[in-house]
Amino acid sequence: MEQKPKLTFGEINYKNIEIFKIITQKTLPVTYSDKFYHRILTYQDFSALGYYNDIAVGAITARIEDQDNIKTAYIMTFGVLDAYRRLGFGSQLLNELINRIKSYKEVKRIYLHMWSNNDVGFQFYSSQGFEKTKFMKNYYTDIEPPHCYILTKRLYPDEDPPIQYTEEDAETEKTQREE
């Protein structure tokens, strides 16, 4: 049986932030500001570049936040360059992140926003134990359709009850937060 190639992992820092920026721009349909990229540097414990033969081929970043009084990791960016997909690198990056998060026992879940038309992404996340927990209409402002799903992985399903699926309109939610 042929063994899958293995990634090594490194931190995202000032020396390689431009490499991270290129990976993000080539793998995600969203444009981020320079301020966003520099803020990533403050999430060292939950961010990694994945290297194959000393070449950065993918990256994942997350931050910890409170969601309904539950410590939750939010995946901000996650991508593998096209030429290196289907080699198991996405799974390796995600597993690296999950292992880092599990070292913080108070963190119970991981979640992310995923464009509603990303069927390949949904297949991947589903195979990794993520579930659709919310559908948000009008979430994105610069891609069509502008809708997304929130996908959630419960790290300790025996302790954390299932999450009820809901649907919301992001425009309504934004308006309510501003009032």
C-alpha atoms as a PDB file:
ATOM      1  CA  MET A   1       0.000   0.000   0.000  1.00  0.00           C
ATOM      2  CA  GLU A   2       1.385   3.351  -1.037  1.00  0.00           C
ATOM      3  CA  GLN A   3       1.929   5.764   1.822  1.00  0.00           C
ATOM      4  CA  LYS A   4       0.496   9.272   1.516  1.00  0.00           C
ATOM      5  CA  PRO A   5       3.016  12.131   1.556  1.00  0.00           C
ATOM      6  CA  LYS A   6       3.401  13.864   4.919  1.00  0.00           C
ATOM      7  CA  LEU A   7       3.381  17.547   5.734  1.00  0.00           C
ATOM      8  CA  THR A   8       5.572  19.278   8.245  1.00  0.00           C
ATOM      9  CA  PHE A   9       4.157  22.291  10.061  1.00  0.00           C
ATOM     10  CA  GLY A  10       5.506  25.715  10.846  1.00  0.00           C
ATOM     11  CA  GLU A  11       4.215  28.872  12.436  1.00  0.00           C
ATOM     12  CA  ILE A  12       2.965  31.862  10.510  1.00  0.00           C
ATOM     13  CA  ASN A  13       5.240  34.777  11.352  1.00  0.00           C
ATOM     14  CA  TYR A  14       6.568  38.067   9.988  1.00  0.00           C
ATOM     15  CA  LYS A  15       9.080  36.223   7.796  1.00  0.00           C
ATOM     16  CA  ASN A  16       6.492  34.151   5.943  1.00  0.00           C
ATOM     17  CA  ILE A  17       3.286  36.222   6.163  1.00  0.00           C
ATOM     18  CA  GLU A  18       3.553  36.987   2.424  1.00  0.00           C
ATOM     19  CA  ILE A  19       3.614  33.253   1.625  1.00  0.00           C
ATOM     20  CA  PHE A  20       0.538  32.793   3.809  1.00  0.00           C
ATOM     21  CA  LYS A  21      -1.121  35.704   2.000  1.00  0.00           C
ATOM     22  CA  ILE A  22      -0.455  34.117  -1.422  1.00  0.00           C
ATOM     23  CA  ILE A  23      -1.863  30.741  -0.310  1.00  0.00           C
ATOM     24  CA  THR A  24      -4.975  32.450   1.059  1.00  0.00           C
ATOM     25  CA  GLN A  25      -5.504  34.542  -2.086  1.00  0.00           C
ATOM     26  CA  LYS A  26      -5.128  31.498  -4.336  1.00  0.00           C
ATOM     27  CA  THR A  27      -7.405  29.196  -2.331  1.00  0.00           C
ATOM     28  CA  LEU A  28     -10.256  31.363  -1.000  1.00  0.00           C
ATOM     29  CA  PRO A  29     -12.853  33.458  -2.868  1.00  0.00           C
ATOM     30  CA  VAL A  30     -12.594  36.280  -0.317  1.00  0.00           C
ATOM     31  CA  THR A  31     -10.212  39.250  -0.314  1.00  0.00           C
ATOM     32  CA  TYR A  32      -8.720  40.180   3.053  1.00  0.00           C
ATOM     33  CA  SER A  33      -7.116  43.452   4.129  1.00  0.00           C
ATOM     34  CA  ASP A  34      -3.487  43.795   5.194  1.00  0.00           C
ATOM     35  CA  LYS A  35      -4.819  44.450   8.711  1.00  0.00           C
ATOM     36  CA  PHE A  36      -6.410  40.975   8.683  1.00  0.00           C
ATOM     37  CA  TYR A  37      -3.123  39.316   7.699  1.00  0.00           C
ATOM     38  CA  HIS A  38      -1.221  41.079  10.458  1.00  0.00           C
ATOM     39  CA  ARG A  39      -3.910  40.132  12.995  1.00  0.00           C
ATOM     40  CA  ILE A  40      -3.295  36.467  12.055  1.00  0.00           C
ATOM     41  CA  LEU A  41       0.115  36.818  13.693  1.00  0.00           C
ATOM     42  CA  THR A  42      -1.631  37.086  17.079  1.00  0.00           C
ATOM     43  CA  TYR A  43      -3.173  33.600  16.683  1.00  0.00           C
ATOM     44  CA  GLN A  44       0.105  31.633  16.742  1.00  0.00           C
ATOM     45  CA  ASP A  45      -1.212  28.702  18.787  1.00  0.00           C
ATOM     46  CA  PHE A  46      -3.962  28.017  16.269  1.00  0.00           C
ATOM     47  CA  SER A  47      -2.310  28.781  12.936  1.00  0.00           C
ATOM     48  CA  ALA A  48       0.055  26.766  10.786  1.00  0.00           C
ATOM     49  CA  LEU A  49       1.653  26.582   7.392  1.00  0.00           C
ATOM     50  CA  GLY A  50       1.910  23.105   5.904  1.00  0.00           C
ATOM     51  CA  TYR A  51       5.151  22.284   4.079  1.00  0.00           C
ATOM     52  CA  TYR A  52       5.807  19.503   1.606  1.00  0.00           C
ATOM     53  CA  ASN A  53       9.471  19.122   0.604  1.00  0.00           C
ATOM     54  CA  ASP A  54      10.128  22.544   2.198  1.00  0.00           C
ATOM     55  CA  ILE A  55       7.473  24.228   0.035  1.00  0.00           C
ATOM     56  CA  ALA A  56       4.519  25.911   1.752  1.00  0.00           C
ATOM     57  CA  VAL A  57       1.492  24.222   0.152  1.00  0.00           C
ATOM     58  CA  GLY A  58      -1.314  25.027   2.583  1.00  0.00           C
ATOM     59  CA  ALA A  59      -2.329  26.970   5.653  1.00  0.00           C
ATOM     60  CA  ILE A  60      -4.939  26.991   8.388  1.00  0.00           C
ATOM     61  CA  THR A  61      -5.758  29.695  10.929  1.00  0.00           C
ATOM     62  CA  ALA A  62      -8.213  29.838  13.809  1.00  0.00           C
ATOM     63  CA  ARG A  63      -9.054  31.911  16.856  1.00  0.00           C
ATOM     64  CA  ILE A  64     -10.819  31.047  20.098  1.00  0.00           C
ATOM     65  CA  GLU A  65     -14.065  32.788  20.960  1.00  0.00           C
ATOM     66  CA  ASP A  66     -17.097  32.374  23.186  1.00  0.00           C
ATOM     67  CA  GLN A  67     -20.211  31.193  21.409  1.00  0.00           C
ATOM     68  CA  ASP A  68     -23.306  30.797  23.587  1.00  0.00           C
ATOM     69  CA  ASN A  69     -21.014  30.468  26.640  1.00  0.00           C
ATOM     70  CA  ILE A  70     -19.054  27.646  24.999  1.00  0.00           C
ATOM     71  CA  LYS A  71     -15.371  28.088  24.139  1.00  0.00           C
ATOM     72  CA  THR A  72     -15.194  27.517  20.398  1.00  0.00           C
ATOM     73  CA  ALA A  73     -12.454  27.649  17.780  1.00  0.00           C
ATOM     74  CA  TYR A  74     -13.362  29.551  14.628  1.00  0.00           C
ATOM     75  CA  ILE A  75     -11.500  28.550  11.458  1.00  0.00           C
ATOM     76  CA  MET A  76     -10.771  31.843   9.729  1.00  0.00           C
ATOM     77  CA  THR A  77      -8.800  30.551   6.745  1.00  0.00           C
ATOM     78  CA  PHE A  78      -7.987  27.107   5.416  1.00  0.00           C
ATOM     79  CA  GLY A  79      -6.619  26.178   2.028  1.00  0.00           C
ATOM     80  CA  VAL A  80      -4.282  23.934   0.071  1.00  0.00           C
ATOM     81  CA  LEU A  81      -2.829  25.035  -3.263  1.00  0.00           C
ATOM     82  CA  ASP A  82      -4.513  23.353  -6.252  1.00  0.00           C
ATOM     83  CA  ALA A  83      -1.439  21.380  -7.336  1.00  0.00           C
ATOM     84  CA  TYR A  84      -1.245  19.745  -3.895  1.00  0.00           C
ATOM     85  CA  ARG A  85      -4.892  18.816  -3.385  1.00  0.00           C
ATOM     86  CA  ARG A  86      -6.155  15.239  -3.098  1.00  0.00           C
ATOM     87  CA  LEU A  87      -2.930  14.145  -1.386  1.00  0.00           C
ATOM     88  CA  GLY A  88      -4.316  14.224   2.143  1.00  0.00           C
ATOM     89  CA  PHE A  89      -2.750  17.583   2.996  1.00  0.00           C
ATOM     90  CA  GLY A  90      -6.071  19.229   3.932  1.00  0.00           C
ATOM     91  CA  SER A  91      -6.797  16.429   6.404  1.00  0.00           C
ATOM     92  CA  GLN A  92      -3.301  16.741   7.848  1.00  0.00           C
ATOM     93  CA  LEU A  93      -3.650  20.510   8.314  1.00  0.00           C
ATOM     94  CA  LEU A  94      -7.063  20.138   9.931  1.00  0.00           C
ATOM     95  CA  ASN A  95      -5.832  17.352  12.221  1.00  0.00           C
ATOM     96  CA  GLU A  96      -2.865  19.502  13.253  1.00  0.00           C
ATOM     97  CA  LEU A  97      -5.282  22.283  14.194  1.00  0.00           C
ATOM     98  CA  ILE A  98      -7.604  19.904  16.051  1.00  0.00           C
ATOM     99  CA  ASN A  99      -4.678  18.507  18.058  1.00  0.00           C
ATOM    100  CA  ARG A 100      -3.556  22.016  18.983  1.00  0.00           C
ATOM    101  CA  ILE A 101      -7.092  22.970  20.010  1.00  0.00           C
ATOM    102  CA  LYS A 102      -7.603  19.815  22.079  1.00  0.00           C
ATOM    103  CA  SER A 103      -4.626  20.800  24.217  1.00  0.00           C
ATOM    104  CA  TYR A 104      -6.951  23.554  25.501  1.00  0.00           C
ATOM    105  CA  LYS A 105      -9.541  21.354  27.241  1.00  0.00           C
ATOM    106  CA  GLU A 106     -12.027  24.206  27.677  1.00  0.00           C
ATOM    107  CA  VAL A 107     -12.518  24.459  23.877  1.00  0.00           C
ATOM    108  CA  LYS A 108     -15.455  22.199  22.966  1.00  0.00           C
ATOM    109  CA  ARG A 109     -16.194  22.949  19.301  1.00  0.00           C
ATOM    110  CA  ILE A 110     -14.725  24.088  16.011  1.00  0.00           C
ATOM    111  CA  TYR A 111     -16.767  25.953  13.419  1.00  0.00           C
ATOM    112  CA  LEU A 112     -16.415  27.801  10.136  1.00  0.00           C
ATOM    113  CA  HIS A 113     -18.391  29.610   7.458  1.00  0.00           C
ATOM    114  CA  MET A 114     -18.515  27.831   4.089  1.00  0.00           C
ATOM    115  CA  TRP A 115     -19.938  29.188   0.859  1.00  0.00           C
ATOM    116  CA  SER A 116     -23.236  27.439   0.110  1.00  0.00           C
ATOM    117  CA  ASN A 117     -22.124  26.293  -3.372  1.00  0.00           C
ATOM    118  CA  ASN A 118     -18.921  24.625  -2.134  1.00  0.00           C
ATOM    119  CA  ASP A 119     -20.000  20.993  -2.554  1.00  0.00           C
ATOM    120  CA  VAL A 120     -16.417  19.683  -2.562  1.00  0.00           C
ATOM    121  CA  GLY A 121     -15.725  21.568   0.662  1.00  0.00           C
ATOM    122  CA  PHE A 122     -18.838  20.156   2.279  1.00  0.00           C
ATOM    123  CA  GLN A 123     -17.839  16.600   1.326  1.00  0.00           C
ATOM    124  CA  PHE A 124     -14.408  17.176   2.871  1.00  0.00           C
ATOM    125  CA  TYR A 125     -15.687  18.708   6.113  1.00  0.00           C
ATOM    126  CA  SER A 126     -18.418  16.100   6.445  1.00  0.00           C
ATOM    127  CA  SER A 127     -15.788  13.354   6.198  1.00  0.00           C
ATOM    128  CA  GLN A 128     -13.943  15.109   9.042  1.00  0.00           C
ATOM    129  CA  GLY A 129     -16.956  15.089  11.367  1.00  0.00           C
ATOM    130  CA  PHE A 130     -18.378  18.563  10.682  1.00  0.00           C
ATOM    131  CA  GLU A 131     -22.138  19.073  10.467  1.00  0.00           C
ATOM    132  CA  LYS A 132     -24.257  21.822   8.926  1.00  0.00           C
ATOM    133  CA  THR A 133     -25.596  23.726  11.920  1.00  0.00           C
ATOM    134  CA  LYS A 134     -26.840  26.922  10.296  1.00  0.00           C
ATOM    135  CA  PHE A 135     -27.721  28.313   6.868  1.00  0.00           C
ATOM    136  CA  MET A 136     -27.150  32.054   6.552  1.00  0.00           C
ATOM    137  CA  LYS A 137     -28.748  33.921   3.666  1.00  0.00           C
ATOM    138  CA  ASN A 138     -26.939  36.997   2.328  1.00  0.00           C
ATOM    139  CA  TYR A 139     -23.767  36.444   4.342  1.00  0.00           C
ATOM    140  CA  TYR A 140     -21.232  37.319   1.631  1.00  0.00           C
ATOM    141  CA  THR A 141     -21.155  40.646  -0.166  1.00  0.00           C
ATOM    142  CA  ASP A 142     -18.853  39.821  -3.078  1.00  0.00           C
ATOM    143  CA  ILE A 143     -19.718  36.297  -4.268  1.00  0.00           C
ATOM    144  CA  GLU A 144     -22.857  34.763  -5.750  1.00  0.00           C
ATOM    145  CA  PRO A 145     -24.899  33.261  -4.350  1.00  0.00           C
ATOM    146  CA  PRO A 146     -24.147  35.209  -1.160  1.00  0.00           C
ATOM    147  CA  HIS A 147     -25.208  32.439   1.221  1.00  0.00           C
ATOM    148  CA  CYS A 148     -23.187  30.243   3.548  1.00  0.00           C
ATOM    149  CA  TYR A 149     -23.436  27.350   5.911  1.00  0.00           C
ATOM    150  CA  ILE A 150     -21.937  27.258   9.340  1.00  0.00           C
ATOM    151  CA  LEU A 151     -20.296  23.881   9.811  1.00  0.00           C
ATOM    152  CA  THR A 152     -19.515  22.728  13.330  1.00  0.00           C
ATOM    153  CA  LYS A 153     -17.488  19.871  14.782  1.00  0.00           C
ATOM    154  CA  ARG A 154     -18.152  18.916  18.392  1.00  0.00           C
ATOM    155  CA  LEU A 155     -14.790  17.839  19.821  1.00  0.00           C
ATOM    156  CA  TYR A 156     -16.370  15.898  22.676  1.00  0.00           C
ATOM    157  CA  PRO A 157     -19.744  14.640  21.359  1.00  0.00           C
ATOM    158  CA  ASP A 158     -20.357  12.517  24.474  1.00  0.00           C
ATOM    159  CA  GLU A 159     -20.338  15.708  26.582  1.00  0.00           C
ATOM    160  CA  ASP A 160     -21.707  18.196  24.036  1.00  0.00           C
ATOM    161  CA  PRO A 161     -25.290  17.626  22.829  1.00  0.00           C
ATOM    162  CA  PRO A 162     -26.130  17.872  19.104  1.00  0.00           C
ATOM    163  CA  ILE A 163     -26.658  21.376  17.743  1.00  0.00           C
ATOM    164  CA  GLN A 164     -30.053  22.130  16.257  1.00  0.00           C
ATOM    165  CA  TYR A 165     -29.913  23.241  12.608  1.00  0.00           C
ATOM    166  CA  THR A 166     -31.247  26.772  12.009  1.00  0.00           C
ATOM    167  CA  GLU A 167     -31.645  29.228   9.136  1.00  0.00           C
ATOM    168  CA  GLU A 168     -31.116  32.981   9.372  1.00  0.00           C
ATOM    169  CA  ASP A 169     -30.806  35.994   7.154  1.00  0.00           C
ATOM    170  CA  ALA A 170     -27.431  37.640   7.794  1.00  0.00           C
ATOM    171  CA  GLU A 171     -28.841  41.052   6.832  1.00  0.00           C
ATOM    172  CA  THR A 172     -31.506  40.777   9.543  1.00  0.00           C
ATOM    173  CA  GLU A 173     -28.893  39.607  12.059  1.00  0.00           C
ATOM    174  CA  LYS A 174     -26.571  42.544  11.215  1.00  0.00           C
ATOM    175  CA  THR A 175     -29.432  45.039  11.551  1.00  0.00           C
ATOM    176  CA  GLN A 176     -30.445  43.621  14.930  1.00  0.00           C
ATOM    177  CA  ARG A 177     -26.840  43.853  16.210  1.00  0.00           C
ATOM    178  CA  GLU A 178     -26.616  47.510  15.116  1.00  0.00           C
ATOM    179  CA  GLU A 179     -29.846  48.519  16.908  1.00  0.00           C
END
